Amino acid sequence: MDTSIPDKLYFKIGEVVSLTGIKAHVLRYWEAEFGADFRPVKSRGRQRLYRRQEIELILQLKDLLYRQGYTIAGAKKKLRSKACDQDSANEASGGEPALRLLQELRSDLIRLRKTLDC
C-alpha cells in the first residue's frame, strides 16, 4: 500500500506512530476493536511488534476512518467485505495468492534466521 514502509520484519510501536501518524493509544484501541484482523505479536518484554501487513492495515483504517468518514462499525464491515471478496478471488484463482503468501512468509523466516545467526 505505502512504499515508505521500510523493509524489515518487525516495527516497535514508536516506529509505527512515526510511519502512520496515529498515536500509540489509538493503535492500542484499534487493536482491541479490530482484534481478529489486527493483532501485533508481543516480545518477551511485552512490547508490541507490528509487521508490514499490520502497518498497511493501520494505514487503510486511517483512510477509512479519517479521510472517508467511516465509523468504527462501518470500517469493520468494510474490512469484512474486502476479506470475503479476497477469499472468493483466492478460490477462483486456484490458491495462487495463498502460494505467494507462503513464499513471502518463507522469505521472512529466512531473513529472521539470518538476523538471529549474526
PDB file of N, CA and C in Angstrom:
ATOM      1  N   MET A   1       0.835  -1.196   0.000  1.00  0.00           N
ATOM      2  CA  MET A   1       0.000   0.000   0.000  1.00  0.00           C
ATOM      3  C   MET A   1       0.873   1.250   0.000  1.00  0.00           C
ATOM      4  N   ASP A   2       1.796   1.360   0.974  1.00  0.00           N
ATOM      5  CA  ASP A   2       2.620   2.546   1.083  1.00  0.00           C
ATOM      6  C   ASP A   2       4.075   2.141   0.910  1.00  0.00           C
ATOM      7  N   THR A   3       4.758   2.735  -0.048  1.00  0.00           N
ATOM      8  CA  THR A   3       6.131   2.350  -0.336  1.00  0.00           C
ATOM      9  C   THR A   3       7.122   2.935   0.662  1.00  0.00           C
ATOM     10  N   SER A   4       6.697   3.819   1.551  1.00  0.00           N
ATOM     11  CA  SER A   4       7.618   4.416   2.502  1.00  0.00           C
ATOM     12  C   SER A   4       7.814   3.547   3.749  1.00  0.00           C
ATOM     13  N   ILE A   5       7.213   2.367   3.793  1.00  0.00           N
ATOM     14  CA  ILE A   5       7.411   1.454   4.916  1.00  0.00           C
ATOM     15  C   ILE A   5       8.736   0.746   4.705  1.00  0.00           C
ATOM     16  N   PRO A   6       9.685   0.881   5.635  1.00  0.00           N
ATOM     17  CA  PRO A   6      10.980   0.219   5.470  1.00  0.00           C
ATOM     18  C   PRO A   6      10.841  -1.297   5.376  1.00  0.00           C
ATOM     19  N   ASP A   7      11.820  -1.922   4.740  1.00  0.00           N
ATOM     20  CA  ASP A   7      11.804  -3.364   4.541  1.00  0.00           C
ATOM     21  C   ASP A   7      12.447  -4.041   5.754  1.00  0.00           C
ATOM     22  N   LYS A   8      11.639  -4.324   6.757  1.00  0.00           N
ATOM     23  CA  LYS A   8      12.097  -5.060   7.929  1.00  0.00           C
ATOM     24  C   LYS A   8      10.955  -5.903   8.460  1.00  0.00           C
ATOM     25  N   LEU A   9      11.270  -6.858   9.311  1.00  0.00           N
ATOM     26  CA  LEU A   9      10.263  -7.805   9.781  1.00  0.00           C
ATOM     27  C   LEU A   9       9.301  -7.199  10.787  1.00  0.00           C
ATOM     28  N   TYR A  10       9.835  -6.526  11.790  1.00  0.00           N
ATOM     29  CA  TYR A  10       9.006  -6.028  12.872  1.00  0.00           C
ATOM     30  C   TYR A  10       9.301  -4.566  13.164  1.00  0.00           C
ATOM     31  N   PHE A  11       8.258  -3.870  13.619  1.00  0.00           N
ATOM     32  CA  PHE A  11       8.367  -2.463  13.966  1.00  0.00           C
ATOM     33  C   PHE A  11       7.822  -2.268  15.371  1.00  0.00           C
ATOM     34  N   LYS A  12       8.536  -1.505  16.182  1.00  0.00           N
ATOM     35  CA  LYS A  12       8.047  -1.176  17.519  1.00  0.00           C
ATOM     36  C   LYS A  12       6.952  -0.128  17.384  1.00  0.00           C
ATOM     37  N   ILE A  13       6.162   0.013  18.437  1.00  0.00           N
ATOM     38  CA  ILE A  13       5.003   0.909  18.380  1.00  0.00           C
ATOM     39  C   ILE A  13       5.416   2.352  18.082  1.00  0.00           C
ATOM     40  N   GLY A  14       6.561   2.789  18.594  1.00  0.00           N
ATOM     41  CA  GLY A  14       7.041   4.143  18.311  1.00  0.00           C
ATOM     42  C   GLY A  14       7.339   4.353  16.836  1.00  0.00           C
ATOM     43  N   GLU A  15       7.884   3.323  16.203  1.00  0.00           N
ATOM     44  CA  GLU A  15       8.155   3.401  14.763  1.00  0.00           C
ATOM     45  C   GLU A  15       6.847   3.467  13.971  1.00  0.00           C
ATOM     46  N   VAL A  16       5.855   2.709  14.426  1.00  0.00           N
ATOM     47  CA  VAL A  16       4.559   2.698  13.748  1.00  0.00           C
ATOM     48  C   VAL A  16       3.891   4.062  13.890  1.00  0.00           C
ATOM     49  N   VAL A  17       4.022   4.664  15.057  1.00  0.00           N
ATOM     50  CA  VAL A  17       3.483   6.016  15.275  1.00  0.00           C
ATOM     51  C   VAL A  17       4.125   6.983  14.280  1.00  0.00           C
ATOM     52  N   SER A  18       5.445   6.901  14.113  1.00  0.00           N
ATOM     53  CA  SER A  18       6.146   7.789  13.177  1.00  0.00           C
ATOM     54  C   SER A  18       5.733   7.542  11.731  1.00  0.00           C
ATOM     55  N   LEU A  19       5.575   6.265  11.366  1.00  0.00           N
ATOM     56  CA  LEU A  19       5.223   5.919   9.987  1.00  0.00           C
ATOM     57  C   LEU A  19       3.794   6.301   9.616  1.00  0.00           C
ATOM     58  N   THR A  20       2.868   6.139  10.563  1.00  0.00           N
ATOM     59  CA  THR A  20       1.449   6.295  10.244  1.00  0.00           C
ATOM     60  C   THR A  20       0.840   7.608  10.713  1.00  0.00           C
ATOM     61  N   GLY A  21       1.444   8.236  11.704  1.00  0.00           N
ATOM     62  CA  GLY A  21       0.859   9.448  12.264  1.00  0.00           C
ATOM     63  C   GLY A  21      -0.287   9.164  13.225  1.00  0.00           C
ATOM     64  N   ILE A  22      -0.473   7.911  13.592  1.00  0.00           N
ATOM     65  CA  ILE A  22      -1.519   7.517  14.544  1.00  0.00           C
ATOM     66  C   ILE A  22      -0.876   7.354  15.918  1.00  0.00           C
ATOM     67  N   LYS A  23      -1.456   7.965  16.929  1.00  0.00           N
ATOM     68  CA  LYS A  23      -0.887   7.907  18.281  1.00  0.00           C
ATOM     69  C   LYS A  23      -0.971   6.496  18.862  1.00  0.00           C
ATOM     70  N   ALA A  24      -0.060   6.206  19.797  1.00  0.00           N
ATOM     71  CA  ALA A  24       0.053   4.866  20.380  1.00  0.00           C
ATOM     72  C   ALA A  24      -1.239   4.426  21.061  1.00  0.00           C
ATOM     73  N   HIS A  25      -1.899   5.327  21.785  1.00  0.00           N
ATOM     74  CA  HIS A  25      -3.128   4.920  22.479  1.00  0.00           C
ATOM     75  C   HIS A  25      -4.235   4.576  21.484  1.00  0.00           C
ATOM     76  N   VAL A  26      -4.232   5.236  20.318  1.00  0.00           N
ATOM     77  CA  VAL A  26      -5.218   4.929  19.277  1.00  0.00           C
ATOM     78  C   VAL A  26      -4.918   3.557  18.672  1.00  0.00           C
ATOM     79  N   LEU A  27      -3.633   3.269  18.453  1.00  0.00           N
ATOM     80  CA  LEU A  27      -3.245   1.950  17.937  1.00  0.00           C
ATOM     81  C   LEU A  27      -3.688   0.839  18.889  1.00  0.00           C
ATOM     82  N   ARG A  28      -3.500   1.055  20.187  1.00  0.00           N
ATOM     83  CA  ARG A  28      -3.916   0.042  21.174  1.00  0.00           C
ATOM     84  C   ARG A  28      -5.439  -0.107  21.177  1.00  0.00           C
ATOM     85  N   TYR A  29      -6.149   0.996  21.011  1.00  0.00           N
ATOM     86  CA  TYR A  29      -7.615   0.940  20.935  1.00  0.00           C
ATOM     87  C   TYR A  29      -8.044   0.164  19.693  1.00  0.00           C
ATOM     88  N   TRP A  30      -7.438   0.473  18.545  1.00  0.00           N
ATOM     89  CA  TRP A  30      -7.780  -0.242  17.314  1.00  0.00           C
ATOM     90  C   TRP A  30      -7.469  -1.730  17.448  1.00  0.00           C
ATOM     91  N   GLU A  31      -6.412  -2.053  18.154  1.00  0.00           N
ATOM     92  CA  GLU A  31      -6.077  -3.465  18.387  1.00  0.00           C
ATOM     93  C   GLU A  31      -7.220  -4.162  19.125  1.00  0.00           C
ATOM     94  N   ALA A  32      -7.801  -3.476  20.093  1.00  0.00           N
ATOM     95  CA  ALA A  32      -8.925  -4.053  20.836  1.00  0.00           C
ATOM     96  C   ALA A  32     -10.174  -4.149  19.956  1.00  0.00           C
ATOM     97  N   GLU A  33     -10.421  -3.138  19.148  1.00  0.00           N
ATOM     98  CA  GLU A  33     -11.613  -3.098  18.303  1.00  0.00           C
ATOM     99  C   GLU A  33     -11.542  -4.035  17.101  1.00  0.00           C
ATOM    100  N   PHE A  34     -10.369  -4.130  16.489  1.00  0.00           N
ATOM    101  CA  PHE A  34     -10.204  -4.921  15.268  1.00  0.00           C
ATOM    102  C   PHE A  34      -9.351  -6.154  15.542  1.00  0.00           C
ATOM    103  N   GLY A  35      -9.489  -6.724  16.721  1.00  0.00           N
ATOM    104  CA  GLY A  35      -8.630  -7.808  17.195  1.00  0.00           C
ATOM    105  C   GLY A  35      -8.377  -8.936  16.224  1.00  0.00           C
ATOM    106  N   ALA A  36      -9.383  -9.437  15.544  1.00  0.00           N
ATOM    107  CA  ALA A  36      -9.184 -10.577  14.645  1.00  0.00           C
ATOM    108  C   ALA A  36      -8.306 -10.190  13.462  1.00  0.00           C
ATOM    109  N   ASP A  37      -8.419  -8.958  12.992  1.00  0.00           N
ATOM    110  CA  ASP A  37      -7.665  -8.505  11.825  1.00  0.00           C
ATOM    111  C   ASP A  37      -6.328  -7.879  12.194  1.00  0.00           C
ATOM    112  N   PHE A  38      -6.192  -7.482  13.426  1.00  0.00           N
ATOM    113  CA  PHE A  38      -5.105  -6.595  13.817  1.00  0.00           C
ATOM    114  C   PHE A  38      -4.550  -7.058  15.157  1.00  0.00           C
ATOM    115  N   ARG A  39      -3.568  -7.916  15.129  1.00  0.00           N
ATOM    116  CA  ARG A  39      -3.034  -8.484  16.358  1.00  0.00           C
ATOM    117  C   ARG A  39      -1.504  -8.509  16.297  1.00  0.00           C
ATOM    118  N   PRO A  40      -0.824  -7.425  16.742  1.00  0.00           N
ATOM    119  CA  PRO A  40       0.641  -7.450  16.727  1.00  0.00           C
ATOM    120  C   PRO A  40       1.163  -8.487  17.728  1.00  0.00           C
ATOM    121  N   VAL A  41       2.306  -9.073  17.403  1.00  0.00           N
ATOM    122  CA  VAL A  41       2.928 -10.013  18.335  1.00  0.00           C
ATOM    123  C   VAL A  41       3.569  -9.209  19.457  1.00  0.00           C
ATOM    124  N   LYS A  42       3.845  -9.870  20.551  1.00  0.00           N
ATOM    125  CA  LYS A  42       4.497  -9.188  21.673  1.00  0.00           C
ATOM    126  C   LYS A  42       5.826  -9.860  21.972  1.00  0.00           C
ATOM    127  N   SER A  43       6.821  -9.042  22.252  1.00  0.00           N
ATOM    128  CA  SER A  43       8.148  -9.556  22.584  1.00  0.00           C
ATOM    129  C   SER A  43       8.141 -10.105  24.006  1.00  0.00           C
ATOM    130  N   ARG A  44       9.255 -10.679  24.391  1.00  0.00           N
ATOM    131  CA  ARG A  44       9.361 -11.188  25.775  1.00  0.00           C
ATOM    132  C   ARG A  44       9.114 -10.081  26.797  1.00  0.00           C
ATOM    133  N   GLY A  45       9.521  -8.882  26.434  1.00  0.00           N
ATOM    134  CA  GLY A  45       9.309  -7.731  27.314  1.00  0.00           C
ATOM    135  C   GLY A  45       7.917  -7.134  27.184  1.00  0.00           C
ATOM    136  N   ARG A  46       6.999  -7.850  26.511  1.00  0.00           N
ATOM    137  CA  ARG A  46       5.598  -7.457  26.323  1.00  0.00           C
ATOM    138  C   ARG A  46       5.458  -6.208  25.445  1.00  0.00           C
ATOM    139  N   GLN A  47       6.474  -5.914  24.633  1.00  0.00           N
ATOM    140  CA  GLN A  47       6.388  -4.776  23.722  1.00  0.00           C
ATOM    141  C   GLN A  47       5.733  -5.226  22.417  1.00  0.00           C
ATOM    142  N   ARG A  48       4.814  -4.415  21.915  1.00  0.00           N
ATOM    143  CA  ARG A  48       4.126  -4.756  20.672  1.00  0.00           C
ATOM    144  C   ARG A  48       5.086  -4.653  19.492  1.00  0.00           C
ATOM    145  N   LEU A  49       5.031  -5.670  18.624  1.00  0.00           N
ATOM    146  CA  LEU A  49       5.846  -5.688  17.420  1.00  0.00           C
ATOM    147  C   LEU A  49       4.909  -5.862  16.223  1.00  0.00           C
ATOM    148  N   TYR A  50       4.890  -4.873  15.359  1.00  0.00           N
ATOM    149  CA  TYR A  50       3.989  -4.845  14.213  1.00  0.00           C
ATOM    150  C   TYR A  50       4.712  -5.328  12.960  1.00  0.00           C
ATOM    151  N   ARG A  51       4.006  -6.066  12.125  1.00  0.00           N
ATOM    152  CA  ARG A  51       4.522  -6.496  10.828  1.00  0.00           C
ATOM    153  C   ARG A  51       4.027  -5.533   9.761  1.00  0.00           C
ATOM    154  N   ARG A  52       4.622  -5.627   8.582  1.00  0.00           N
ATOM    155  CA  ARG A  52       4.261  -4.757   7.458  1.00  0.00           C
ATOM    156  C   ARG A  52       2.757  -4.818   7.170  1.00  0.00           C
ATOM    157  N   GLN A  53       2.180  -6.025   7.169  1.00  0.00           N
ATOM    158  CA  GLN A  53       0.753  -6.141   6.845  1.00  0.00           C
ATOM    159  C   GLN A  53      -0.109  -5.415   7.866  1.00  0.00           C
ATOM    160  N   GLU A  54       0.324  -5.373   9.120  1.00  0.00           N
ATOM    161  CA  GLU A  54      -0.444  -4.645  10.137  1.00  0.00           C
ATOM    162  C   GLU A  54      -0.316  -3.136   9.933  1.00  0.00           C
ATOM    163  N   ILE A  55       0.854  -2.685   9.507  1.00  0.00           N
ATOM    164  CA  ILE A  55       1.025  -1.260   9.223  1.00  0.00           C
ATOM    165  C   ILE A  55       0.167  -0.867   8.025  1.00  0.00           C
ATOM    166  N   GLU A  56       0.112  -1.741   7.022  1.00  0.00           N
ATOM    167  CA  GLU A  56      -0.749  -1.466   5.868  1.00  0.00           C
ATOM    168  C   GLU A  56      -2.215  -1.401   6.297  1.00  0.00           C
ATOM    169  N   LEU A  57      -2.615  -2.287   7.225  1.00  0.00           N
ATOM    170  CA  LEU A  57      -3.987  -2.258   7.740  1.00  0.00           C
ATOM    171  C   LEU A  57      -4.239  -0.960   8.510  1.00  0.00           C
ATOM    172  N   ILE A  58      -3.263  -0.528   9.290  1.00  0.00           N
ATOM    173  CA  ILE A  58      -3.396   0.726  10.043  1.00  0.00           C
ATOM    174  C   ILE A  58      -3.603   1.893   9.074  1.00  0.00           C
ATOM    175  N   LEU A  59      -2.821   1.911   7.999  1.00  0.00           N
ATOM    176  CA  LEU A  59      -2.971   2.984   7.011  1.00  0.00           C
ATOM    177  C   LEU A  59      -4.334   2.907   6.328  1.00  0.00           C
ATOM    178  N   GLN A  60      -4.809   1.694   6.093  1.00  0.00           N
ATOM    179  CA  GLN A  60      -6.141   1.518   5.496  1.00  0.00           C
ATOM    180  C   GLN A  60      -7.224   2.007   6.471  1.00  0.00           C
ATOM    181  N   LEU A  61      -7.091   1.653   7.749  1.00  0.00           N
ATOM    182  CA  LEU A  61      -8.049   2.115   8.754  1.00  0.00           C
ATOM    183  C   LEU A  61      -8.020   3.636   8.873  1.00  0.00           C
ATOM    184  N   LYS A  62      -6.834   4.195   8.859  1.00  0.00           N
ATOM    185  CA  LYS A  62      -6.699   5.650   8.931  1.00  0.00           C
ATOM    186  C   LYS A  62      -7.457   6.305   7.778  1.00  0.00           C
ATOM    187  N   ASP A  63      -7.317   5.744   6.586  1.00  0.00           N
ATOM    188  CA  ASP A  63      -8.023   6.271   5.421  1.00  0.00           C
ATOM    189  C   ASP A  63      -9.540   6.137   5.589  1.00  0.00           C
ATOM    190  N   LEU A  64      -9.988   4.944   6.002  1.00  0.00           N
ATOM    191  CA  LEU A  64     -11.424   4.715   6.166  1.00  0.00           C
ATOM    192  C   LEU A  64     -12.032   5.628   7.225  1.00  0.00           C
ATOM    193  N   LEU A  65     -11.352   5.745   8.364  1.00  0.00           N
ATOM    194  CA  LEU A  65     -11.917   6.495   9.489  1.00  0.00           C
ATOM    195  C   LEU A  65     -11.744   8.003   9.355  1.00  0.00           C
ATOM    196  N   TYR A  66     -10.567   8.433   8.953  1.00  0.00           N
ATOM    197  CA  TYR A  66     -10.280   9.867   8.963  1.00  0.00           C
ATOM    198  C   TYR A  66     -10.581  10.563   7.642  1.00  0.00           C
ATOM    199  N   ARG A  67     -10.285   9.917   6.512  1.00  0.00           N
ATOM    200  CA  ARG A  67     -10.491  10.574   5.221  1.00  0.00           C
ATOM    201  C   ARG A  67     -11.885  10.296   4.659  1.00  0.00           C
ATOM    202  N   GLN A  68     -12.318   9.012   4.736  1.00  0.00           N
ATOM    203  CA  GLN A  68     -13.605   8.659   4.150  1.00  0.00           C
ATOM    204  C   GLN A  68     -14.771   8.812   5.131  1.00  0.00           C
ATOM    205  N   GLY A  69     -14.488   9.005   6.410  1.00  0.00           N
ATOM    206  CA  GLY A  69     -15.534   9.287   7.381  1.00  0.00           C
ATOM    207  C   GLY A  69     -16.317   8.082   7.893  1.00  0.00           C
ATOM    208  N   TYR A  70     -15.773   6.894   7.746  1.00  0.00           N
ATOM    209  CA  TYR A  70     -16.446   5.705   8.267  1.00  0.00           C
ATOM    210  C   TYR A  70     -16.430   5.719   9.790  1.00  0.00           C
ATOM    211  N   THR A  71     -17.433   5.086  10.388  1.00  0.00           N
ATOM    212  CA  THR A  71     -17.419   4.837  11.827  1.00  0.00           C
ATOM    213  C   THR A  71     -16.608   3.563  12.063  1.00  0.00           C
ATOM    214  N   ILE A  72     -16.330   3.255  13.325  1.00  0.00           N
ATOM    215  CA  ILE A  72     -15.622   2.012  13.651  1.00  0.00           C
ATOM    216  C   ILE A  72     -16.420   0.824  13.119  1.00  0.00           C
ATOM    217  N   ALA A  73     -17.723   0.816  13.359  1.00  0.00           N
ATOM    218  CA  ALA A  73     -18.569  -0.291  12.887  1.00  0.00           C
ATOM    219  C   ALA A  73     -18.557  -0.367  11.360  1.00  0.00           C
ATOM    220  N   GLY A  74     -18.623   0.761  10.707  1.00  0.00           N
ATOM    221  CA  GLY A  74     -18.594   0.785   9.249  1.00  0.00           C
ATOM    222  C   GLY A  74     -17.264   0.297   8.695  1.00  0.00           C
ATOM    223  N   ALA A  75     -16.171   0.679   9.359  1.00  0.00           N
ATOM    224  CA  ALA A  75     -14.842   0.230   8.922  1.00  0.00           C
ATOM    225  C   ALA A  75     -14.704  -1.285   9.099  1.00  0.00           C
ATOM    226  N   LYS A  76     -15.236  -1.816  10.204  1.00  0.00           N
ATOM    227  CA  LYS A  76     -15.211  -3.275  10.423  1.00  0.00           C
ATOM    228  C   LYS A  76     -15.961  -3.986   9.302  1.00  0.00           C
ATOM    229  N   LYS A  77     -17.135  -3.455   8.970  1.00  0.00           N
ATOM    230  CA  LYS A  77     -17.953  -4.066   7.922  1.00  0.00           C
ATOM    231  C   LYS A  77     -17.229  -4.008   6.575  1.00  0.00           C
ATOM    232  N   LYS A  78     -16.616  -2.878   6.288  1.00  0.00           N
ATOM    233  CA  LYS A  78     -15.878  -2.707   5.035  1.00  0.00           C
ATOM    234  C   LYS A  78     -14.716  -3.694   4.954  1.00  0.00           C
ATOM    235  N   LEU A  79     -13.981  -3.853   6.050  1.00  0.00           N
ATOM    236  CA  LEU A  79     -12.860  -4.796   6.069  1.00  0.00           C
ATOM    237  C   LEU A  79     -13.342  -6.230   5.882  1.00  0.00           C
ATOM    238  N   ARG A  80     -14.472  -6.568   6.530  1.00  0.00           N
ATOM    239  CA  ARG A  80     -15.025  -7.923   6.375  1.00  0.00           C
ATOM    240  C   ARG A  80     -15.430  -8.184   4.936  1.00  0.00           C
ATOM    241  N   SER A  81     -16.053  -7.198   4.296  1.00  0.00           N
ATOM    242  CA  SER A  81     -16.485  -7.400   2.907  1.00  0.00           C
ATOM    243  C   SER A  81     -15.279  -7.528   1.987  1.00  0.00           C
ATOM    244  N   LYS A  82     -14.207  -6.786   2.252  1.00  0.00           N
ATOM    245  CA  LYS A  82     -12.987  -6.929   1.458  1.00  0.00           C
ATOM    246  C   LYS A  82     -12.375  -8.307   1.651  1.00  0.00           C
ATOM    247  N   ALA A  83     -12.393  -8.811   2.888  1.00  0.00           N
ATOM    248  CA  ALA A  83     -11.848 -10.138   3.171  1.00  0.00           C
ATOM    249  C   ALA A  83     -12.645 -11.205   2.439  1.00  0.00           C
ATOM    250  N   CYS A  84     -13.964 -11.066   2.406  1.00  0.00           N
ATOM    251  CA  CYS A  84     -14.810 -12.022   1.685  1.00  0.00           C
ATOM    252  C   CYS A  84     -14.520 -11.972   0.192  1.00  0.00           C
ATOM    253  N   ASP A  85     -14.335 -10.762  -0.340  1.00  0.00           N
ATOM    254  CA  ASP A  85     -14.015 -10.610  -1.765  1.00  0.00           C
ATOM    255  C   ASP A  85     -12.673 -11.264  -2.089  1.00  0.00           C
ATOM    256  N   GLN A  86     -11.685 -11.093  -1.205  1.00  0.00           N
ATOM    257  CA  GLN A  86     -10.370 -11.692  -1.418  1.00  0.00           C
ATOM    258  C   GLN A  86     -10.444 -13.209  -1.332  1.00  0.00           C
ATOM    259  N   ASP A  87     -11.227 -13.739  -0.386  1.00  0.00           N
ATOM    260  CA  ASP A  87     -11.384 -15.190  -0.268  1.00  0.00           C
ATOM    261  C   ASP A  87     -12.003 -15.759  -1.530  1.00  0.00           C
ATOM    262  N   SER A  88     -13.002 -15.092  -2.070  1.00  0.00           N
ATOM    263  CA  SER A  88     -13.635 -15.544  -3.307  1.00  0.00           C
ATOM    264  C   SER A  88     -12.649 -15.510  -4.467  1.00  0.00           C
ATOM    265  N   ALA A  89     -11.845 -14.463  -4.523  1.00  0.00           N
ATOM    266  CA  ALA A  89     -10.849 -14.352  -5.589  1.00  0.00           C
ATOM    267  C   ALA A  89      -9.788 -15.436  -5.452  1.00  0.00           C
ATOM    268  N   ASN A  90      -9.393 -15.754  -4.214  1.00  0.00           N
ATOM    269  CA  ASN A  90      -8.408 -16.813  -3.985  1.00  0.00           C
ATOM    270  C   ASN A  90      -8.929 -18.149  -4.461  1.00  0.00           C
ATOM    271  N   GLU A  91     -10.189 -18.440  -4.171  1.00  0.00           N
ATOM    272  CA  GLU A  91     -10.783 -19.702  -4.602  1.00  0.00           C
ATOM    273  C   GLU A  91     -10.863 -19.760  -6.118  1.00  0.00           C
ATOM    274  N   ALA A  92     -11.217 -18.648  -6.748  1.00  0.00           N
ATOM    275  CA  ALA A  92     -11.368 -18.612  -8.199  1.00  0.00           C
ATOM    276  C   ALA A  92     -10.026 -18.742  -8.917  1.00  0.00           C
ATOM    277  N   SER A  93      -8.951 -18.256  -8.296  1.00  0.00           N
ATOM    278  CA  SER A  93      -7.641 -18.293  -8.951  1.00  0.00           C
ATOM    279  C   SER A  93      -6.853 -19.541  -8.600  1.00  0.00           C
ATOM    280  N   GLY A  94      -7.466 -20.477  -7.936  1.00  0.00           N
ATOM    281  CA  GLY A  94      -6.793 -21.736  -7.633  1.00  0.00           C
ATOM    282  C   GLY A  94      -5.776 -21.644  -6.517  1.00  0.00           C
ATOM    283  N   GLY A  95      -5.879 -20.651  -5.645  1.00  0.00           N
ATOM    284  CA  GLY A  95      -4.994 -20.571  -4.491  1.00  0.00           C
ATOM    285  C   GLY A  95      -3.660 -19.907  -4.770  1.00  0.00           C
ATOM    286  N   GLU A  96      -3.493 -19.268  -5.922  1.00  0.00           N
ATOM    287  CA  GLU A  96      -2.227 -18.629  -6.249  1.00  0.00           C
ATOM    288  C   GLU A  96      -1.826 -17.565  -5.237  1.00  0.00           C
ATOM    289  N   PRO A  97      -2.741 -16.696  -4.757  1.00  0.00           N
ATOM    290  CA  PRO A  97      -2.356 -15.731  -3.726  1.00  0.00           C
ATOM    291  C   PRO A  97      -1.890 -16.418  -2.440  1.00  0.00           C
ATOM    292  N   ALA A  98      -2.473 -17.556  -2.118  1.00  0.00           N
ATOM    293  CA  ALA A  98      -2.034 -18.281  -0.930  1.00  0.00           C
ATOM    294  C   ALA A  98      -0.595 -18.744  -1.100  1.00  0.00           C
ATOM    295  N   LEU A  99      -0.238 -19.167  -2.287  1.00  0.00           N
ATOM    296  CA  LEU A  99       1.129 -19.592  -2.569  1.00  0.00           C
ATOM    297  C   LEU A  99       2.092 -18.421  -2.408  1.00  0.00           C
ATOM    298  N   ARG A 100       1.688 -17.253  -2.913  1.00  0.00           N
ATOM    299  CA  ARG A 100       2.525 -16.066  -2.750  1.00  0.00           C
ATOM    300  C   ARG A 100       2.700 -15.706  -1.283  1.00  0.00           C
ATOM    301  N   LEU A 101       1.636 -15.839  -0.512  1.00  0.00           N
ATOM    302  CA  LEU A 101       1.718 -15.559   0.916  1.00  0.00           C
ATOM    303  C   LEU A 101       2.695 -16.509   1.594  1.00  0.00           C
ATOM    304  N   LEU A 102       2.635 -17.779   1.251  1.00  0.00           N
ATOM    305  CA  LEU A 102       3.559 -18.757   1.818  1.00  0.00           C
ATOM    306  C   LEU A 102       4.998 -18.462   1.412  1.00  0.00           C
ATOM    307  N   GLN A 103       5.200 -18.048   0.173  1.00  0.00           N
ATOM    308  CA  GLN A 103       6.548 -17.703  -0.280  1.00  0.00           C
ATOM    309  C   GLN A 103       7.067 -16.474   0.465  1.00  0.00           C
ATOM    310  N   GLU A 104       6.194 -15.503   0.689  1.00  0.00           N
ATOM    311  CA  GLU A 104       6.586 -14.304   1.436  1.00  0.00           C
ATOM    312  C   GLU A 104       6.925 -14.658   2.883  1.00  0.00           C
ATOM    313  N   LEU A 105       6.106 -15.522   3.469  1.00  0.00           N
ATOM    314  CA  LEU A 105       6.360 -15.965   4.836  1.00  0.00           C
ATOM    315  C   LEU A 105       7.694 -16.697   4.925  1.00  0.00           C
ATOM    316  N   ARG A 106       7.959 -17.549   3.950  1.00  0.00           N
ATOM    317  CA  ARG A 106       9.226 -18.287   3.927  1.00  0.00           C
ATOM    318  C   ARG A 106      10.407 -17.324   3.849  1.00  0.00           C
ATOM    319  N   SER A 107      10.325 -16.326   2.968  1.00  0.00           N
ATOM    320  CA  SER A 107      11.434 -15.373   2.848  1.00  0.00           C
ATOM    321  C   SER A 107      11.598 -14.560   4.133  1.00  0.00           C
ATOM    322  N   ASP A 108      10.489 -14.217   4.797  1.00  0.00           N
ATOM    323  CA  ASP A 108      10.579 -13.518   6.083  1.00  0.00           C
ATOM    324  C   ASP A 108      11.283 -14.377   7.125  1.00  0.00           C
ATOM    325  N   LEU A 109      10.949 -15.664   7.151  1.00  0.00           N
ATOM    326  CA  LEU A 109      11.581 -16.569   8.108  1.00  0.00           C
ATOM    327  C   LEU A 109      13.079 -16.736   7.819  1.00  0.00           C
ATOM    328  N   ILE A 110      13.434 -16.796   6.555  1.00  0.00           N
ATOM    329  CA  ILE A 110      14.857 -16.907   6.190  1.00  0.00           C
ATOM    330  C   ILE A 110      15.614 -15.659   6.628  1.00  0.00           C
ATOM    331  N   ARG A 111      15.019 -14.469   6.388  1.00  0.00           N
ATOM    332  CA  ARG A 111      15.660 -13.229   6.838  1.00  0.00           C
ATOM    333  C   ARG A 111      15.796 -13.181   8.351  1.00  0.00           C
ATOM    334  N   LEU A 112      14.759 -13.643   9.053  1.00  0.00           N
ATOM    335  CA  LEU A 112      14.808 -13.664  10.510  1.00  0.00           C
ATOM    336  C   LEU A 112      15.903 -14.589  10.988  1.00  0.00           C
ATOM    337  N   ARG A 113      16.012 -15.770  10.364  1.00  0.00           N
ATOM    338  CA  ARG A 113      17.051 -16.725  10.749  1.00  0.00           C
ATOM    339  C   ARG A 113      18.443 -16.137  10.516  1.00  0.00           C
ATOM    340  N   LYS A 114      18.628 -15.456   9.390  1.00  0.00           N
ATOM    341  CA  LYS A 114      19.916 -14.820   9.114  1.00  0.00           C
ATOM    342  C   LYS A 114      20.225 -13.755  10.161  1.00  0.00           C
ATOM    343  N   THR A 115      19.205 -13.005  10.550  1.00  0.00           N
ATOM    344  CA  THR A 115      19.396 -11.965  11.575  1.00  0.00           C
ATOM    345  C   THR A 115      19.804 -12.579  12.914  1.00  0.00           C
ATOM    346  N   LEU A 116      19.176 -13.699  13.267  1.00  0.00           N
ATOM    347  CA  LEU A 116      19.487 -14.345  14.533  1.00  0.00           C
ATOM    348  C   LEU A 116      20.835 -15.043  14.526  1.00  0.00           C
ATOM    349  N   ASP A 117      21.308 -15.461  13.355  1.00  0.00           N
ATOM    350  CA  ASP A 117      22.603 -16.137  13.248  1.00  0.00           C
ATOM    351  C   ASP A 117      23.775 -15.191  13.436  1.00  0.00           C
ATOM    352  N   CYS A 118      23.548 -13.879  13.253  1.00  0.00           N
ATOM    353  CA  CYS A 118      24.646 -12.904  13.352  1.00  0.00           C
ATOM    354  C   CYS A 118      25.175 -12.768  14.740  1.00  0.00           C
TER     355      CYS A 118
END
